[in-house]
């Protein structure tokens, strides 16, 4: 009798990781994958990044790579394009609730708003922002510090210095709140509760 191959493993925070064709996700020890999240196949999640409740990251027909301190917020879906476009997410990236990313690249400090759709071969350059509810159609490029809005999304204006500072600070905010959730899940009390 052969030993049963595990169908999945659970993270310390209740997220679920599953292999595809023998390839397991790689999740840094300091990353947060919360309960309800599903991470499948060729997915890499960097240090202090957070994958929130009920997200799905499916790296089966290509790979997904997430850098450090990025956050994928509740209910978001990340997939890839077969043998053509992986999904690459840089450092300190914000992906807000219920976003859908497919075969795209989000560079450092990019911000994808709630309910957005980002399609194949799209690039959002550093500090680029896609407003809530927007849809980026295939092949588009959001330039550095540009704000795009609408369905289909179009350039609206450049972000102000104040907006850029606020957006950049959100990655650290999500890291801190993820750590608070982790402490809570272990029944511990933070010395300084956040927020």
Protein backbone atom coordinates (compact mmCIF):
# COMPACT_ATOMS: atom_id res chain seq x y z
CA UNK A 1 0.00 0.00 0.00
CA UNK A 2 1.40 3.41 -0.95
CA UNK A 3 1.35 6.36 1.42
CA UNK A 4 -1.43 8.84 0.67
CA UNK A 5 -0.21 12.08 -0.90
CA UNK A 6 -1.57 15.11 0.99
CA UNK A 7 -4.20 17.00 -0.97
CA UNK A 8 -3.49 20.20 0.94
CA UNK A 9 -1.84 21.73 3.99
CA UNK A 10 -3.15 24.47 6.23
CA UNK A 11 -1.11 27.52 7.21
CA UNK A 12 -0.75 28.49 10.87
CA UNK A 13 -3.51 31.07 10.28
CA UNK A 14 -5.92 28.64 8.64
CA UNK A 15 -5.25 29.36 4.98
CA UNK A 16 -5.04 26.39 2.66
CA UNK A 17 -2.18 25.54 0.27
CA UNK A 18 -2.56 22.91 -2.43
CA UNK A 19 -0.05 21.54 -4.95
CA UNK A 20 -0.56 21.40 -8.69
CA UNK A 21 1.37 18.75 -10.64
CA UNK A 22 3.50 18.23 -7.54
CA UNK A 23 4.42 21.91 -7.20
CA UNK A 24 3.61 23.40 -3.79
CA UNK A 25 3.31 27.11 -3.10
CA UNK A 26 6.30 28.72 -1.38
CA UNK A 27 5.23 31.03 1.43
CA UNK A 28 7.79 32.95 3.46
CA UNK A 29 7.64 32.13 7.17
CA UNK A 30 6.80 35.76 7.99
CA UNK A 31 3.91 36.00 5.50
CA UNK A 32 0.27 35.84 6.57
CA UNK A 33 -2.23 33.55 4.81
CA UNK A 34 -5.51 33.85 6.68
CA UNK A 35 -8.34 31.34 7.01
CA UNK A 36 -10.49 30.96 3.94
CA UNK A 37 -7.62 31.81 1.58
CA UNK A 38 -6.70 29.23 -1.07
CA UNK A 39 -3.19 29.19 -2.56
CA UNK A 40 -2.62 26.64 -5.32
CA UNK A 41 0.42 25.51 -7.28
CA UNK A 42 3.32 27.66 -8.46
CA UNK A 43 2.84 30.62 -6.14
CA UNK A 44 5.55 32.49 -4.24
CA UNK A 45 4.61 34.84 -1.40
CA UNK A 46 7.34 37.07 0.03
CA UNK A 47 8.17 38.23 3.52
CA UNK A 48 5.47 40.01 5.55
CA UNK A 49 2.97 39.92 2.68
CA UNK A 50 -0.63 39.18 3.63
CA UNK A 51 -3.26 37.11 1.85
CA UNK A 52 -6.60 37.86 3.46
CA UNK A 53 -9.79 35.88 4.02
CA UNK A 54 -11.38 34.13 1.03
CA UNK A 55 -8.75 35.07 -1.54
CA UNK A 56 -7.88 32.58 -4.29
CA UNK A 57 -4.38 32.50 -5.83
CA UNK A 58 -4.21 29.80 -8.51
CA UNK A 59 -0.81 29.21 -10.09
CA UNK A 60 -1.58 26.22 -12.27
CA UNK A 61 -1.02 27.13 -15.95
CA UNK A 62 1.63 29.74 -15.11
CA UNK A 63 3.18 31.20 -11.97
CA UNK A 64 2.28 33.90 -9.45
CA UNK A 65 4.94 35.83 -7.57
CA UNK A 66 4.26 38.31 -4.76
CA UNK A 67 7.06 40.38 -3.25
CA UNK A 68 7.48 41.67 0.29
CA UNK A 69 4.94 43.55 2.42
CA UNK A 70 2.25 43.42 -0.26
CA UNK A 71 -1.36 42.73 0.67
CA UNK A 72 -4.08 40.91 -1.22
CA UNK A 73 -7.29 41.87 0.51
CA UNK A 74 -10.43 39.86 1.22
CA UNK A 75 -12.15 38.05 -1.64
CA UNK A 76 -9.62 38.88 -4.34
CA UNK A 77 -8.82 36.38 -7.11
CA UNK A 78 -5.43 36.04 -8.83
CA UNK A 79 -4.92 33.79 -11.83
CA UNK A 80 -2.58 33.59 -14.82
CA UNK A 81 -2.65 33.14 -18.58
CA UNK A 82 -1.70 29.72 -19.95
CA UNK A 83 2.02 29.66 -20.89
CA UNK A 84 2.01 33.38 -21.73
CA UNK A 85 1.48 35.80 -18.85
CA UNK A 86 2.23 35.05 -15.19
CA UNK A 87 1.01 37.42 -12.50
CA UNK A 88 3.85 39.34 -10.89
CA UNK A 89 3.25 41.59 -7.88
CA UNK A 90 6.10 43.67 -6.50
CA UNK A 91 6.83 45.02 -3.04
CA UNK A 92 4.45 47.16 -0.94
CA UNK A 93 1.58 46.64 -3.39
CA UNK A 94 -2.05 47.12 -2.30
CA UNK A 95 -4.75 44.97 -3.88
CA UNK A 96 -8.07 45.98 -2.34
CA UNK A 97 -11.11 43.83 -1.60
CA UNK A 98 -12.69 41.75 -4.37
CA UNK A 99 -10.15 42.63 -7.06
CA UNK A 100 -9.54 40.24 -9.97
CA UNK A 101 -6.02 40.02 -11.42
CA UNK A 102 -5.19 37.89 -14.47
CA UNK A 103 -1.78 37.53 -16.11
CA UNK A 104 -0.61 41.03 -15.19
CA UNK A 105 2.27 42.88 -13.53
CA UNK A 106 1.90 45.24 -10.58
CA UNK A 107 5.15 47.01 -9.80
CA UNK A 108 6.29 48.30 -6.40
CA UNK A 109 3.78 50.50 -4.54
CA UNK A 110 1.04 49.94 -7.13
CA UNK A 111 -2.53 50.26 -5.85
CA UNK A 112 -5.51 48.35 -7.28
CA UNK A 113 -8.81 49.56 -5.81
CA UNK A 114 -11.82 47.60 -4.61
CA UNK A 115 -13.64 45.54 -7.21
CA UNK A 116 -11.15 46.21 -10.02
CA UNK A 117 -10.42 43.89 -12.93
CA UNK A 118 -6.86 43.81 -14.31
CA UNK A 119 -6.50 41.69 -17.44
CA UNK A 120 -3.73 39.93 -19.40
CA UNK A 121 -0.48 41.69 -20.26
CA UNK A 122 -1.34 44.78 -18.21
CA UNK A 123 1.38 46.63 -16.29
CA UNK A 124 0.85 49.06 -13.45
CA UNK A 125 4.11 50.90 -12.92
CA UNK A 126 5.45 52.02 -9.50
CA UNK A 127 2.94 54.13 -7.56
CA UNK A 128 0.33 53.71 -10.31
CA UNK A 129 -3.25 53.52 -9.09
CA UNK A 130 -6.40 51.95 -10.51
CA UNK A 131 -9.50 53.48 -8.90
CA UNK A 132 -12.19 51.33 -7.30
CA UNK A 133 -14.41 49.51 -9.79
CA UNK A 134 -12.16 50.15 -12.78
CA UNK A 135 -11.27 47.60 -15.49
CA UNK A 136 -7.92 47.59 -17.30
CA UNK A 137 -8.27 45.85 -20.65
CA UNK A 138 -5.48 43.66 -22.09
CA UNK A 139 -2.14 45.27 -22.90
CA UNK A 140 -2.70 48.60 -21.12
CA UNK A 141 0.01 50.30 -19.09
CA UNK A 142 -0.63 52.57 -16.12
CA UNK A 143 2.39 54.85 -15.84
CA UNK A 144 4.28 55.86 -12.73
CA UNK A 145 2.05 57.76 -10.26
CA UNK A 146 -0.87 57.83 -12.73
CA UNK A 147 -4.50 57.46 -11.64
CA UNK A 148 -6.77 55.55 -14.05
CA UNK A 149 -10.55 55.28 -13.66
CA UNK A 150 -13.58 53.73 -15.39
CA UNK A 151 -14.64 50.67 -17.38
CA UNK A 152 -12.66 50.50 -19.54
CA UNK A 153 -10.10 52.42 -17.49
CA UNK A 154 -8.50 55.58 -18.83
CA UNK A 155 -5.89 58.00 -17.52
CA UNK A 156 -7.43 60.71 -15.35
CA UNK A 157 -4.50 62.56 -13.75
CA UNK A 158 -1.27 62.20 -11.80
CA UNK A 159 -1.45 61.49 -8.09
CA UNK A 160 -0.50 64.30 -5.72
CA UNK A 161 2.44 64.01 -3.34
CA UNK A 162 -0.03 63.67 -0.46
CA UNK A 163 -1.86 60.81 -2.18
CA UNK A 164 1.41 59.03 -2.93
CA UNK A 165 2.51 59.33 0.70
CA UNK A 166 -0.82 57.97 1.93
CA UNK A 167 -0.78 55.05 -0.52
CA UNK A 168 2.79 54.12 0.38
CA UNK A 169 1.90 54.11 4.07
CA UNK A 170 -0.92 51.62 3.55
CA UNK A 171 1.45 48.66 3.08
CA UNK A 172 2.83 49.17 6.58
CA UNK A 173 -0.71 49.65 7.93
CA UNK A 174 -1.73 46.27 6.50
CA UNK A 175 1.42 44.61 7.84
CA UNK A 176 0.63 45.90 11.32
CA UNK A 177 -3.02 44.88 11.20
CA UNK A 178 -2.05 41.43 9.89
CA UNK A 179 0.28 41.04 12.86
CA UNK A 180 -2.56 42.06 15.20
CA UNK A 181 -4.80 39.39 13.62
CA UNK A 182 -2.03 36.82 14.04
CA UNK A 183 -1.65 37.63 17.73
CA UNK A 184 -5.41 37.41 18.20
CA UNK A 185 -5.46 33.98 16.51
CA UNK A 186 -2.92 32.75 19.07
CA UNK A 187 -4.84 34.19 22.00
CA UNK A 188 -2.14 36.76 22.69
CA UNK A 189 -2.53 40.42 23.56
CA UNK A 190 -0.33 42.99 21.82
CA UNK A 191 1.71 45.36 23.98
CA UNK A 192 0.26 48.17 21.87
CA UNK A 193 -2.93 47.02 20.12
CA UNK A 194 -3.27 48.17 16.51
CA UNK A 195 -4.86 50.23 15.09
